Amino acid sequence: MAVTVERAVLEQAEDIVQMHWDAEDWILARELDAPARGEVSLADVREQIEFGEWRVALFAGIVVGALRVLRSDPDVWIEDDIPAAYVARVMTDRRHASAGLGAQLLRWVDEHARSEDASVVRLECVETNARLRDYYEEQGFFLVGRRDFDVEWPSVVLMEKSLH
């Protein structure tokens, strides 16, 4: 499935939140560990859209995927001097998902990061979710650290992909 990735607009906020809820249900049904960041509210997504953080994947005008890309992520990553793009969330709509859609979105992040002069793409993964960690490794990411939180987020592994 060839998709176009565009900056999200406010009218797509409900699609993004619904996709998040559907993804959580899908993860729980398979007894996998949920993403570290927990709840996503419509108000938060709208604010994040206004900041330009969300992108949507469109197929025939339908939102089939979404990702949140940041220039920094101090909630998870320790600041350093390496120019990076941070994938705070990547989701595909289970009703329209096809093999390779997640990988296509991650490739889009690579190109976007290069255009922003980033040298790495970073993301985190719940430490106990070996299936997702393996998937990210298949996409070229490698383990660079681990993070525990004082809040009710599970421990995560920090993963990175070099763009050079």
N, C-alpha and C. Protein backbone atom coordinates (compact mmCIF):
# COMPACT_ATOMS: atom_id res chain seq x y z
N MET A 1 0.85 -1.17 0.00
CA MET A 1 0.00 0.00 0.00
C MET A 1 0.90 1.23 0.00
N ALA A 2 0.80 2.04 -1.03
CA ALA A 2 1.56 3.28 -1.10
C ALA A 2 0.75 4.39 -0.43
N VAL A 3 1.34 5.02 0.55
CA VAL A 3 0.66 6.10 1.27
C VAL A 3 1.42 7.40 1.08
N THR A 4 0.71 8.48 1.33
CA THR A 4 1.37 9.78 1.41
C THR A 4 1.38 10.18 2.88
N VAL A 5 2.46 10.81 3.30
CA VAL A 5 2.58 11.27 4.68
C VAL A 5 2.53 12.78 4.66
N GLU A 6 1.61 13.32 5.45
CA GLU A 6 1.40 14.76 5.49
C GLU A 6 1.31 15.23 6.94
N ARG A 7 1.56 16.52 7.11
CA ARG A 7 1.37 17.10 8.44
C ARG A 7 -0.10 17.00 8.81
N ALA A 8 -0.37 16.56 10.02
CA ALA A 8 -1.75 16.41 10.48
C ALA A 8 -2.41 17.77 10.65
N VAL A 9 -3.72 17.78 10.45
CA VAL A 9 -4.53 18.98 10.69
C VAL A 9 -5.51 18.66 11.82
N LEU A 10 -6.04 19.73 12.43
CA LEU A 10 -6.89 19.55 13.61
C LEU A 10 -8.06 18.61 13.37
N GLU A 11 -8.61 18.60 12.16
CA GLU A 11 -9.75 17.72 11.86
C GLU A 11 -9.37 16.24 11.95
N GLN A 12 -8.08 15.92 11.97
CA GLN A 12 -7.64 14.52 12.04
C GLN A 12 -7.31 14.08 13.47
N ALA A 13 -7.45 14.98 14.43
CA ALA A 13 -7.12 14.64 15.82
C ALA A 13 -7.93 13.46 16.32
N GLU A 14 -9.22 13.43 16.03
CA GLU A 14 -10.06 12.32 16.49
C GLU A 14 -9.63 11.00 15.85
N ASP A 15 -9.23 11.03 14.59
CA ASP A 15 -8.73 9.83 13.92
C ASP A 15 -7.48 9.31 14.63
N ILE A 16 -6.59 10.23 15.01
CA ILE A 16 -5.35 9.83 15.68
C ILE A 16 -5.64 9.22 17.04
N VAL A 17 -6.51 9.86 17.82
CA VAL A 17 -6.85 9.34 19.15
C VAL A 17 -7.54 7.98 19.02
N GLN A 18 -8.47 7.85 18.09
CA GLN A 18 -9.15 6.56 17.90
C GLN A 18 -8.16 5.48 17.50
N MET A 19 -7.21 5.82 16.63
CA MET A 19 -6.20 4.86 16.21
C MET A 19 -5.36 4.41 17.41
N HIS A 20 -5.06 5.37 18.29
CA HIS A 20 -4.30 5.03 19.51
C HIS A 20 -5.09 4.05 20.36
N TRP A 21 -6.37 4.34 20.59
CA TRP A 21 -7.20 3.44 21.40
C TRP A 21 -7.30 2.06 20.76
N ASP A 22 -7.51 2.02 19.45
CA ASP A 22 -7.59 0.74 18.74
C ASP A 22 -6.28 -0.03 18.85
N ALA A 23 -5.16 0.69 18.76
CA ALA A 23 -3.85 0.04 18.88
C ALA A 23 -3.67 -0.53 20.29
N GLU A 24 -4.09 0.21 21.30
CA GLU A 24 -3.99 -0.30 22.67
C GLU A 24 -4.83 -1.56 22.83
N ASP A 25 -6.05 -1.55 22.30
CA ASP A 25 -6.92 -2.74 22.37
C ASP A 25 -6.26 -3.93 21.67
N TRP A 26 -5.67 -3.68 20.51
CA TRP A 26 -5.01 -4.74 19.75
C TRP A 26 -3.84 -5.30 20.55
N ILE A 27 -3.06 -4.44 21.17
CA ILE A 27 -1.91 -4.86 21.98
C ILE A 27 -2.38 -5.68 23.18
N LEU A 28 -3.40 -5.20 23.87
CA LEU A 28 -3.92 -5.92 25.06
C LEU A 28 -4.50 -7.27 24.67
N ALA A 29 -5.20 -7.35 23.54
CA ALA A 29 -5.79 -8.61 23.10
C ALA A 29 -4.73 -9.67 22.82
N ARG A 30 -3.54 -9.24 22.46
CA ARG A 30 -2.44 -10.16 22.18
C ARG A 30 -1.51 -10.33 23.36
N GLU A 31 -1.92 -9.75 24.51
CA GLU A 31 -1.16 -9.84 25.77
C GLU A 31 0.27 -9.34 25.60
N LEU A 32 0.40 -8.26 24.83
CA LEU A 32 1.69 -7.59 24.67
C LEU A 32 1.73 -6.41 25.63
N ASP A 33 2.92 -5.91 25.91
CA ASP A 33 3.05 -4.76 26.79
C ASP A 33 2.71 -3.49 26.05
N ALA A 34 1.90 -2.67 26.68
CA ALA A 34 1.45 -1.42 26.06
C ALA A 34 2.59 -0.40 25.99
N PRO A 35 2.45 0.59 25.10
CA PRO A 35 3.48 1.63 25.00
C PRO A 35 3.67 2.35 26.32
N ALA A 36 4.84 2.93 26.49
CA ALA A 36 5.21 3.55 27.75
C ALA A 36 4.43 4.82 28.06
N ARG A 37 3.97 5.51 27.06
CA ARG A 37 3.44 6.85 27.30
C ARG A 37 1.97 6.89 27.71
N GLY A 38 1.29 5.78 27.72
CA GLY A 38 -0.06 5.72 28.27
C GLY A 38 -1.08 6.59 27.56
N GLU A 39 -1.95 7.19 28.34
CA GLU A 39 -3.10 7.93 27.85
C GLU A 39 -2.76 9.01 26.83
N VAL A 40 -3.65 9.13 25.85
CA VAL A 40 -3.55 10.19 24.85
C VAL A 40 -4.92 10.85 24.81
N SER A 41 -4.97 12.13 25.13
CA SER A 41 -6.25 12.83 25.11
C SER A 41 -6.42 13.61 23.82
N LEU A 42 -7.66 13.86 23.48
CA LEU A 42 -7.96 14.64 22.28
C LEU A 42 -7.36 16.04 22.41
N ALA A 43 -7.45 16.64 23.58
CA ALA A 43 -6.89 17.98 23.79
C ALA A 43 -5.38 17.97 23.58
N ASP A 44 -4.70 16.93 24.11
CA ASP A 44 -3.25 16.84 23.93
C ASP A 44 -2.89 16.71 22.45
N VAL A 45 -3.59 15.84 21.74
CA VAL A 45 -3.29 15.63 20.32
C VAL A 45 -3.54 16.90 19.53
N ARG A 46 -4.61 17.60 19.83
CA ARG A 46 -4.87 18.87 19.12
C ARG A 46 -3.74 19.86 19.36
N GLU A 47 -3.29 19.98 20.59
CA GLU A 47 -2.18 20.89 20.89
C GLU A 47 -0.90 20.45 20.17
N GLN A 48 -0.65 19.15 20.15
CA GLN A 48 0.54 18.62 19.48
C GLN A 48 0.46 18.84 17.97
N ILE A 49 -0.74 18.73 17.41
CA ILE A 49 -0.93 19.02 15.98
C ILE A 49 -0.60 20.48 15.70
N GLU A 50 -1.08 21.37 16.55
CA GLU A 50 -0.79 22.79 16.37
C GLU A 50 0.71 23.08 16.43
N PHE A 51 1.46 22.29 17.21
CA PHE A 51 2.91 22.44 17.29
C PHE A 51 3.62 21.75 16.12
N GLY A 52 2.85 21.08 15.24
CA GLY A 52 3.43 20.44 14.07
C GLY A 52 4.09 19.10 14.36
N GLU A 53 3.71 18.45 15.45
CA GLU A 53 4.37 17.21 15.85
C GLU A 53 3.79 15.95 15.21
N TRP A 54 2.56 16.00 14.74
CA TRP A 54 1.91 14.81 14.19
C TRP A 54 1.93 14.81 12.67
N ARG A 55 2.15 13.62 12.12
CA ARG A 55 2.01 13.37 10.69
C ARG A 55 1.00 12.24 10.53
N VAL A 56 0.27 12.26 9.43
CA VAL A 56 -0.67 11.18 9.14
C VAL A 56 -0.30 10.54 7.82
N ALA A 57 -0.53 9.25 7.73
CA ALA A 57 -0.37 8.51 6.49
C ALA A 57 -1.75 8.37 5.87
N LEU A 58 -1.86 8.78 4.62
CA LEU A 58 -3.15 8.75 3.94
C LEU A 58 -3.10 7.77 2.78
N PHE A 59 -4.18 7.01 2.64
CA PHE A 59 -4.38 6.13 1.49
C PHE A 59 -5.79 6.39 0.99
N ALA A 60 -5.88 6.87 -0.24
CA ALA A 60 -7.18 7.21 -0.84
C ALA A 60 -7.95 8.18 0.07
N GLY A 61 -7.24 9.11 0.70
CA GLY A 61 -7.87 10.11 1.55
C GLY A 61 -8.22 9.65 2.94
N ILE A 62 -7.93 8.40 3.26
CA ILE A 62 -8.25 7.84 4.58
C ILE A 62 -6.99 7.80 5.43
N VAL A 63 -7.10 8.21 6.70
CA VAL A 63 -5.97 8.14 7.61
C VAL A 63 -5.75 6.67 7.98
N VAL A 64 -4.60 6.12 7.58
CA VAL A 64 -4.29 4.71 7.84
C VAL A 64 -3.10 4.55 8.79
N GLY A 65 -2.49 5.65 9.15
CA GLY A 65 -1.36 5.61 10.07
C GLY A 65 -1.07 6.99 10.61
N ALA A 66 -0.32 7.04 11.69
CA ALA A 66 0.05 8.33 12.26
C ALA A 66 1.35 8.17 13.02
N LEU A 67 2.10 9.26 13.08
CA LEU A 67 3.32 9.24 13.87
C LEU A 67 3.57 10.63 14.43
N ARG A 68 4.17 10.64 15.60
CA ARG A 68 4.53 11.89 16.27
C ARG A 68 6.05 11.95 16.29
N VAL A 69 6.58 12.99 15.67
CA VAL A 69 8.02 13.16 15.55
C VAL A 69 8.42 14.46 16.22
N LEU A 70 9.43 14.38 17.09
CA LEU A 70 9.88 15.53 17.88
C LEU A 70 11.33 15.86 17.55
N ARG A 71 11.72 17.09 17.82
CA ARG A 71 13.12 17.52 17.66
C ARG A 71 13.92 17.23 18.92
N SER A 72 13.24 17.06 20.04
CA SER A 72 13.87 16.64 21.29
C SER A 72 12.81 15.91 22.10
N ASP A 73 13.23 15.11 23.04
CA ASP A 73 12.29 14.34 23.86
C ASP A 73 12.84 14.21 25.27
N PRO A 74 12.90 15.33 26.01
CA PRO A 74 13.51 15.31 27.35
C PRO A 74 12.75 14.46 28.37
N ASP A 75 11.50 14.10 28.09
CA ASP A 75 10.77 13.21 29.00
C ASP A 75 11.39 11.81 29.03
N VAL A 76 12.06 11.44 27.95
CA VAL A 76 12.60 10.09 27.82
C VAL A 76 14.12 10.10 27.65
N TRP A 77 14.63 10.98 26.82
CA TRP A 77 16.04 10.98 26.45
C TRP A 77 16.80 12.09 27.17
N ILE A 78 18.02 11.81 27.57
CA ILE A 78 18.90 12.82 28.12
C ILE A 78 19.42 13.66 26.97
N GLU A 79 19.36 14.97 27.12
CA GLU A 79 19.80 15.87 26.06
C GLU A 79 21.29 15.67 25.77
N ASP A 80 21.64 15.70 24.49
CA ASP A 80 23.04 15.65 24.08
C ASP A 80 23.20 16.52 22.83
N ASP A 81 24.37 16.55 22.28
CA ASP A 81 24.65 17.41 21.13
C ASP A 81 24.43 16.73 19.78
N ILE A 82 23.92 15.52 19.78
CA ILE A 82 23.71 14.80 18.52
C ILE A 82 22.38 15.25 17.92
N PRO A 83 22.40 15.77 16.70
CA PRO A 83 21.13 16.17 16.06
C PRO A 83 20.29 14.92 15.77
N ALA A 84 19.09 14.90 16.34
CA ALA A 84 18.26 13.69 16.26
C ALA A 84 16.80 14.03 16.00
N ALA A 85 16.11 13.06 15.43
CA ALA A 85 14.65 13.08 15.34
C ALA A 85 14.16 12.00 16.30
N TYR A 86 13.12 12.30 17.04
CA TYR A 86 12.60 11.38 18.05
C TYR A 86 11.19 10.93 17.64
N VAL A 87 11.01 9.64 17.54
CA VAL A 87 9.69 9.09 17.22
C VAL A 87 9.01 8.81 18.56
N ALA A 88 8.05 9.68 18.90
CA ALA A 88 7.36 9.54 20.18
C ALA A 88 6.19 8.56 20.08
N ARG A 89 5.72 8.32 18.87
CA ARG A 89 4.64 7.36 18.67
C ARG A 89 4.54 7.06 17.19
N VAL A 90 4.28 5.80 16.85
CA VAL A 90 3.98 5.41 15.48
C VAL A 90 2.87 4.37 15.55
N MET A 91 1.82 4.58 14.74
CA MET A 91 0.65 3.70 14.79
C MET A 91 0.13 3.46 13.38
N THR A 92 -0.47 2.30 13.21
CA THR A 92 -1.20 2.03 11.98
C THR A 92 -2.62 1.65 12.35
N ASP A 93 -3.55 2.04 11.52
CA ASP A 93 -4.95 1.72 11.75
C ASP A 93 -5.13 0.23 11.45
N ARG A 94 -5.54 -0.53 12.43
CA ARG A 94 -5.67 -1.98 12.28
C ARG A 94 -6.67 -2.34 11.18
N ARG A 95 -7.66 -1.50 10.93
CA ARG A 95 -8.67 -1.79 9.89
C ARG A 95 -8.09 -1.67 8.49
N HIS A 96 -7.03 -0.87 8.36
CA HIS A 96 -6.45 -0.62 7.04
C HIS A 96 -4.98 -1.02 6.98
N ALA A 97 -4.52 -1.68 8.00
CA ALA A 97 -3.09 -2.01 8.06
C ALA A 97 -2.74 -3.02 6.97
N SER A 98 -1.56 -2.85 6.46
CA SER A 98 -1.04 -3.81 5.50
C SER A 98 0.39 -4.10 5.89
N ALA A 99 0.87 -5.21 5.42
CA ALA A 99 2.26 -5.57 5.69
C ALA A 99 3.16 -4.45 5.18
N GLY A 100 4.04 -4.01 6.02
CA GLY A 100 5.01 -3.02 5.59
C GLY A 100 4.63 -1.58 5.85
N LEU A 101 3.42 -1.29 6.32
CA LEU A 101 3.01 0.10 6.54
C LEU A 101 3.85 0.74 7.64
N GLY A 102 4.06 0.03 8.75
CA GLY A 102 4.89 0.58 9.82
C GLY A 102 6.30 0.88 9.34
N ALA A 103 6.88 -0.04 8.58
CA ALA A 103 8.22 0.16 8.03
C ALA A 103 8.24 1.35 7.09
N GLN A 104 7.18 1.52 6.30
CA GLN A 104 7.09 2.66 5.40
C GLN A 104 7.07 3.97 6.19
N LEU A 105 6.36 4.00 7.30
CA LEU A 105 6.31 5.20 8.13
C LEU A 105 7.69 5.49 8.74
N LEU A 106 8.37 4.45 9.18
CA LEU A 106 9.70 4.65 9.75
C LEU A 106 10.70 5.11 8.68
N ARG A 107 10.55 4.66 7.45
CA ARG A 107 11.41 5.16 6.36
C ARG A 107 11.12 6.63 6.09
N TRP A 108 9.85 7.02 6.21
CA TRP A 108 9.51 8.43 6.04
C TRP A 108 10.23 9.25 7.12
N VAL A 109 10.25 8.75 8.35
CA VAL A 109 10.95 9.46 9.43
C VAL A 109 12.43 9.64 9.06
N ASP A 110 13.04 8.59 8.51
CA ASP A 110 14.45 8.70 8.11
C ASP A 110 14.65 9.87 7.14
N GLU A 111 13.81 9.94 6.13
CA GLU A 111 13.94 11.01 5.12
C GLU A 111 13.66 12.38 5.74
N HIS A 112 12.65 12.45 6.57
CA HIS A 112 12.31 13.70 7.25
C HIS A 112 13.48 14.14 8.13
N ALA A 113 14.05 13.21 8.87
CA ALA A 113 15.17 13.53 9.77
C ALA A 113 16.37 14.03 8.97
N ARG A 114 16.65 13.39 7.86
CA ARG A 114 17.75 13.86 6.99
C ARG A 114 17.50 15.29 6.51
N SER A 115 16.27 15.58 6.14
CA SER A 115 15.94 16.93 5.66
C SER A 115 16.07 17.97 6.76
N GLU A 116 16.01 17.53 8.00
CA GLU A 116 16.17 18.41 9.16
C GLU A 116 17.60 18.38 9.68
N ASP A 117 18.51 17.76 8.92
CA ASP A 117 19.93 17.65 9.29
C ASP A 117 20.18 16.83 10.56
N ALA A 118 19.29 15.90 10.84
CA ALA A 118 19.52 14.98 11.97
C ALA A 118 20.46 13.87 11.51
N SER A 119 21.24 13.36 12.43
CA SER A 119 22.15 12.26 12.09
C SER A 119 21.65 10.93 12.63
N VAL A 120 20.65 10.96 13.52
CA VAL A 120 20.09 9.72 14.06
C VAL A 120 18.59 9.88 14.25
N VAL A 121 17.89 8.74 14.26
CA VAL A 121 16.49 8.67 14.64
C VAL A 121 16.45 7.86 15.92
N ARG A 122 15.70 8.34 16.90
CA ARG A 122 15.62 7.67 18.20
C ARG A 122 14.17 7.35 18.54
N LEU A 123 13.99 6.27 19.27
CA LEU A 123 12.68 5.90 19.80
C LEU A 123 12.89 5.05 21.03
N GLU A 124 11.82 4.86 21.77
CA GLU A 124 11.88 3.98 22.94
C GLU A 124 10.86 2.87 22.78
N CYS A 125 11.08 1.80 23.51
CA CYS A 125 10.23 0.62 23.44
C CYS A 125 10.13 0.04 24.84
N VAL A 126 8.92 -0.36 25.25
CA VAL A 126 8.77 -0.99 26.55
C VAL A 126 9.76 -2.15 26.65
N GLU A 127 10.51 -2.16 27.72
CA GLU A 127 11.60 -3.12 27.86
C GLU A 127 11.16 -4.57 27.72
N THR A 128 10.00 -4.89 28.22
CA THR A 128 9.55 -6.29 28.21
C THR A 128 8.85 -6.70 26.91
N ASN A 129 8.69 -5.77 25.97
CA ASN A 129 8.02 -6.08 24.70
C ASN A 129 9.07 -6.53 23.68
N ALA A 130 9.50 -7.76 23.81
CA ALA A 130 10.56 -8.30 22.94
C ALA A 130 10.13 -8.32 21.48
N ARG A 131 8.86 -8.55 21.22
CA ARG A 131 8.38 -8.60 19.84
C ARG A 131 8.56 -7.25 19.14
N LEU A 132 8.19 -6.17 19.83
CA LEU A 132 8.33 -4.85 19.24
C LEU A 132 9.81 -4.45 19.13
N ARG A 133 10.57 -4.79 20.14
CA ARG A 133 12.01 -4.50 20.10
C ARG A 133 12.66 -5.21 18.92
N ASP A 134 12.30 -6.47 18.70
CA ASP A 134 12.83 -7.20 17.53
C ASP A 134 12.42 -6.52 16.23
N TYR A 135 11.18 -6.05 16.16
CA TYR A 135 10.71 -5.37 14.96
C TYR A 135 11.56 -4.13 14.68
N TYR A 136 11.79 -3.33 15.73
CA TYR A 136 12.61 -2.12 15.54
C TYR A 136 14.04 -2.48 15.13
N GLU A 137 14.57 -3.55 15.67
CA GLU A 137 15.91 -3.97 15.25
C GLU A 137 15.91 -4.37 13.77
N GLU A 138 14.84 -5.02 13.31
CA GLU A 138 14.72 -5.37 11.90
C GLU A 138 14.67 -4.11 11.02
N GLN A 139 14.21 -3.00 11.59
CA GLN A 139 14.12 -1.74 10.86
C GLN A 139 15.42 -0.92 10.96
N GLY A 140 16.45 -1.51 11.57
CA GLY A 140 17.76 -0.84 11.61
C GLY A 140 18.09 -0.14 12.91
N PHE A 141 17.23 -0.22 13.90
CA PHE A 141 17.50 0.40 15.19
C PHE A 141 18.33 -0.54 16.06
N PHE A 142 19.12 0.03 16.95
CA PHE A 142 19.90 -0.79 17.88
C PHE A 142 19.80 -0.20 19.27
N LEU A 143 19.99 -1.04 20.24
CA LEU A 143 19.87 -0.68 21.65
C LEU A 143 21.02 0.23 22.06
N VAL A 144 20.68 1.38 22.68
CA VAL A 144 21.71 2.30 23.16
C VAL A 144 21.57 2.60 24.65
N GLY A 145 20.51 2.10 25.29
CA GLY A 145 20.34 2.38 26.71
C GLY A 145 19.02 1.89 27.24
N ARG A 146 18.76 2.27 28.47
CA ARG A 146 17.56 1.86 29.19
C ARG A 146 17.14 3.02 30.07
N ARG A 147 15.85 3.15 30.35
CA ARG A 147 15.38 4.26 31.19
C ARG A 147 14.26 3.79 32.09
N ASP A 148 14.36 4.13 33.36
CA ASP A 148 13.29 3.92 34.33
C ASP A 148 12.68 5.28 34.64
N PHE A 149 11.43 5.30 35.08
CA PHE A 149 10.72 6.55 35.33
C PHE A 149 10.17 6.59 36.73
N ASP A 150 10.00 7.81 37.25
CA ASP A 150 9.37 8.00 38.55
C ASP A 150 7.85 7.96 38.43
N VAL A 151 7.36 8.24 37.22
CA VAL A 151 5.91 8.21 36.98
C VAL A 151 5.50 6.77 36.66
N GLU A 152 4.24 6.58 36.37
CA GLU A 152 3.73 5.22 36.15
C GLU A 152 3.96 4.71 34.74
N TRP A 153 5.09 5.00 34.16
CA TRP A 153 5.48 4.44 32.86
C TRP A 153 6.35 3.24 33.12
N PRO A 154 6.25 2.21 32.30
CA PRO A 154 7.16 1.07 32.46
C PRO A 154 8.57 1.43 32.01
N SER A 155 9.53 0.64 32.42
CA SER A 155 10.91 0.84 31.96
C SER A 155 10.96 0.65 30.45
N VAL A 156 11.82 1.42 29.80
CA VAL A 156 11.95 1.34 28.34
C VAL A 156 13.40 1.12 27.96
N VAL A 157 13.57 0.56 26.77
CA VAL A 157 14.89 0.51 26.16
C VAL A 157 14.93 1.66 25.16
N LEU A 158 16.09 2.27 25.05
CA LEU A 158 16.30 3.37 24.13
C LEU A 158 16.97 2.82 22.89
N MET A 159 16.41 3.14 21.73
CA MET A 159 16.91 2.60 20.48
C MET A 159 17.21 3.73 19.52
N GLU A 160 18.19 3.49 18.66
CA GLU A 160 18.65 4.53 17.77
C GLU A 160 19.04 3.92 16.42
N LYS A 161 18.88 4.74 15.38
CA LYS A 161 19.30 4.34 14.04
C LYS A 161 20.14 5.47 13.46
N SER A 162 21.32 5.14 12.99
CA SER A 162 22.18 6.13 12.37
C SER A 162 21.71 6.38 10.94
N LEU A 163 21.76 7.62 10.52
CA LEU A 163 21.33 7.99 9.16
C LEU A 163 22.51 8.14 8.21
N HIS A 164 23.71 7.84 8.68
CA HIS A 164 24.91 7.96 7.83
C HIS A 164 25.38 6.62 7.34
